[in-house]
């Protein structure tokens, strides 16, 4: 698992796969213990929650809109989200030193 690609992503750029994993991992929402705080390369403090796929560890930036998106997610929305996010790419990659 140490060879995972590491990606920081904003909720607006979530793929349906990652959003579904977030909802599965945090079905009742995330709590303070789930939040990871770190500084990005610009020195800004970022709060994120982590979700991992077979090949990638994602840190999803926290916002009130992320909470609403997760709360309103339904498996039937997956096709629509897939179409909307075809051209989306992660915000930035992160190094192990950016994790806390």
C-alpha atoms as a PDB file:
ATOM      1  CA  UNK A   1       0.000   0.000   0.000  1.00  0.00           C
ATOM      2  CA  UNK A   2       2.973   2.342   0.249  1.00  0.00           C
ATOM      3  CA  UNK A   3       3.149   2.613  -3.529  1.00  0.00           C
ATOM      4  CA  UNK A   4      -0.261   4.250  -3.834  1.00  0.00           C
ATOM      5  CA  UNK A   5      -0.633   7.351  -5.936  1.00  0.00           C
ATOM      6  CA  UNK A   6      -1.562  10.250  -3.636  1.00  0.00           C
ATOM      7  CA  UNK A   7      -4.062  12.851  -4.799  1.00  0.00           C
ATOM      8  CA  UNK A   8      -5.707  15.895  -3.223  1.00  0.00           C
ATOM      9  CA  UNK A   9      -9.084  16.594  -4.783  1.00  0.00           C
ATOM     10  CA  UNK A  10     -11.865  19.148  -4.325  1.00  0.00           C
ATOM     11  CA  UNK A  11     -15.424  17.879  -4.014  1.00  0.00           C
ATOM     12  CA  UNK A  12     -16.298  19.515  -7.367  1.00  0.00           C
ATOM     13  CA  UNK A  13     -13.851  17.196  -9.113  1.00  0.00           C
ATOM     14  CA  UNK A  14     -14.876  13.941  -7.472  1.00  0.00           C
ATOM     15  CA  UNK A  15     -15.485  11.011  -9.731  1.00  0.00           C
ATOM     16  CA  UNK A  16     -18.590   8.928  -9.029  1.00  0.00           C
ATOM     17  CA  UNK A  17     -16.317   6.102  -7.850  1.00  0.00           C
ATOM     18  CA  UNK A  18     -14.606   8.259  -5.212  1.00  0.00           C
ATOM     19  CA  UNK A  19     -17.872   9.871  -4.092  1.00  0.00           C
ATOM     20  CA  UNK A  20     -19.430   6.437  -3.676  1.00  0.00           C
ATOM     21  CA  UNK A  21     -16.432   5.270  -1.608  1.00  0.00           C
ATOM     22  CA  UNK A  22     -16.725   8.368   0.597  1.00  0.00           C
ATOM     23  CA  UNK A  23     -20.409   7.712   1.205  1.00  0.00           C
ATOM     24  CA  UNK A  24     -19.679   4.049   1.989  1.00  0.00           C
ATOM     25  CA  UNK A  25     -16.782   4.887   4.329  1.00  0.00           C
ATOM     26  CA  UNK A  26     -18.652   7.700   6.111  1.00  0.00           C
ATOM     27  CA  UNK A  27     -22.357   6.711   5.863  1.00  0.00           C
ATOM     28  CA  UNK A  28     -23.284   8.947   8.802  1.00  0.00           C
ATOM     29  CA  UNK A  29     -20.880  11.719   7.824  1.00  0.00           C
ATOM     30  CA  UNK A  30     -17.352  12.209   9.047  1.00  0.00           C
ATOM     31  CA  UNK A  31     -16.279  13.379  12.473  1.00  0.00           C
ATOM     32  CA  UNK A  32     -13.364  15.325  13.897  1.00  0.00           C
ATOM     33  CA  UNK A  33     -11.315  12.125  14.215  1.00  0.00           C
ATOM     34  CA  UNK A  34     -11.684  11.479  10.472  1.00  0.00           C
ATOM     35  CA  UNK A  35     -10.329  14.882   9.430  1.00  0.00           C
ATOM     36  CA  UNK A  36      -6.713  15.211   8.327  1.00  0.00           C
ATOM     37  CA  UNK A  37      -5.103  18.665   8.604  1.00  0.00           C
ATOM     38  CA  UNK A  38      -2.029  19.564   6.557  1.00  0.00           C
ATOM     39  CA  UNK A  39      -0.380  22.457   4.781  1.00  0.00           C
ATOM     40  CA  UNK A  40      -0.271  22.408   1.006  1.00  0.00           C
ATOM     41  CA  UNK A  41       2.677  23.598  -1.061  1.00  0.00           C
ATOM     42  CA  UNK A  42       1.343  27.167  -0.851  1.00  0.00           C
ATOM     43  CA  UNK A  43       1.412  27.033   2.957  1.00  0.00           C
ATOM     44  CA  UNK A  44      -2.388  26.991   3.250  1.00  0.00           C
ATOM     45  CA  UNK A  45      -3.948  24.772   5.913  1.00  0.00           C
ATOM     46  CA  UNK A  46      -6.189  22.165   4.314  1.00  0.00           C
ATOM     47  CA  UNK A  47      -8.737  19.914   6.005  1.00  0.00           C
ATOM     48  CA  UNK A  48      -9.583  16.694   4.206  1.00  0.00           C
ATOM     49  CA  UNK A  49     -10.968  13.208   4.633  1.00  0.00           C
ATOM     50  CA  UNK A  50      -9.209  10.170   3.245  1.00  0.00           C
ATOM     51  CA  UNK A  51     -10.513   7.468   0.967  1.00  0.00           C
ATOM     52  CA  UNK A  52      -8.450   4.815  -0.788  1.00  0.00           C
ATOM     53  CA  UNK A  53      -8.928   2.845  -3.988  1.00  0.00           C
ATOM     54  CA  UNK A  54      -6.787  -0.070  -5.157  1.00  0.00           C
ATOM     55  CA  UNK A  55      -4.148   2.257  -6.590  1.00  0.00           C
ATOM     56  CA  UNK A  56      -4.785   5.742  -5.172  1.00  0.00           C
ATOM     57  CA  UNK A  57      -5.110   7.452  -1.790  1.00  0.00           C
ATOM     58  CA  UNK A  58      -7.380  10.493  -2.072  1.00  0.00           C
ATOM     59  CA  UNK A  59      -7.543  13.380   0.347  1.00  0.00           C
ATOM     60  CA  UNK A  60     -10.872  15.072  -0.365  1.00  0.00           C
ATOM     61  CA  UNK A  61     -10.955  18.703   0.712  1.00  0.00           C
ATOM     62  CA  UNK A  62     -13.695  19.384   3.228  1.00  0.00           C
ATOM     63  CA  UNK A  63     -16.377  21.972   2.603  1.00  0.00           C
ATOM     64  CA  UNK A  64     -20.037  22.397   3.462  1.00  0.00           C
ATOM     65  CA  UNK A  65     -20.799  21.531  -0.162  1.00  0.00           C
ATOM     66  CA  UNK A  66     -18.988  18.186   0.215  1.00  0.00           C
ATOM     67  CA  UNK A  67     -21.236  17.340   3.159  1.00  0.00           C
ATOM     68  CA  UNK A  68     -24.363  18.188   1.128  1.00  0.00           C
ATOM     69  CA  UNK A  69     -23.096  16.235  -1.885  1.00  0.00           C
ATOM     70  CA  UNK A  70     -22.468  13.163   0.272  1.00  0.00           C
ATOM     71  CA  UNK A  71     -25.829  13.504   2.036  1.00  0.00           C
ATOM     72  CA  UNK A  72     -27.701  13.765  -1.243  1.00  0.00           C
ATOM     73  CA  UNK A  73     -25.781  11.011  -3.032  1.00  0.00           C
ATOM     74  CA  UNK A  74     -27.854   8.143  -4.322  1.00  0.00           C
ATOM     75  CA  UNK A  75     -26.595   5.215  -6.380  1.00  0.00           C
ATOM     76  CA  UNK A  76     -29.033   6.256  -9.103  1.00  0.00           C
ATOM     77  CA  UNK A  77     -27.114   9.535  -9.363  1.00  0.00           C
ATOM     78  CA  UNK A  78     -23.976   7.661 -10.373  1.00  0.00           C
ATOM     79  CA  UNK A  79     -24.695   7.741 -14.121  1.00  0.00           C
ATOM     80  CA  UNK A  80     -25.360  11.485 -14.061  1.00  0.00           C
ATOM     81  CA  UNK A  81     -22.234  12.170 -12.005  1.00  0.00           C
ATOM     82  CA  UNK A  82     -20.175  10.014 -14.329  1.00  0.00           C
ATOM     83  CA  UNK A  83     -21.244  12.103 -17.322  1.00  0.00           C
ATOM     84  CA  UNK A  84     -20.590  15.391 -15.504  1.00  0.00           C
ATOM     85  CA  UNK A  85     -17.108  14.397 -14.302  1.00  0.00           C
ATOM     86  CA  UNK A  86     -15.641  12.870 -17.435  1.00  0.00           C
ATOM     87  CA  UNK A  87     -13.327  15.824 -17.912  1.00  0.00           C
ATOM     88  CA  UNK A  88     -12.487  16.356 -14.227  1.00  0.00           C
ATOM     89  CA  UNK A  89      -8.975  15.851 -12.938  1.00  0.00           C
ATOM     90  CA  UNK A  90      -7.604  16.003  -9.388  1.00  0.00           C
ATOM     91  CA  UNK A  91      -6.514  19.386  -8.016  1.00  0.00           C
ATOM     92  CA  UNK A  92      -3.002  18.320  -7.185  1.00  0.00           C
ATOM     93  CA  UNK A  93      -0.923  15.387  -6.098  1.00  0.00           C
ATOM     94  CA  UNK A  94       0.503  15.310  -2.598  1.00  0.00           C
ATOM     95  CA  UNK A  95       3.636  13.879  -1.156  1.00  0.00           C
ATOM     96  CA  UNK A  96       3.926  11.857   1.998  1.00  0.00           C
ATOM     97  CA  UNK A  97       5.416  14.901   3.739  1.00  0.00           C
ATOM     98  CA  UNK A  98       2.135  16.806   3.264  1.00  0.00           C
ATOM     99  CA  UNK A  99       0.198  14.237   5.304  1.00  0.00           C
ATOM    100  CA  UNK A 100      -0.275  14.653   9.021  1.00  0.00           C
END
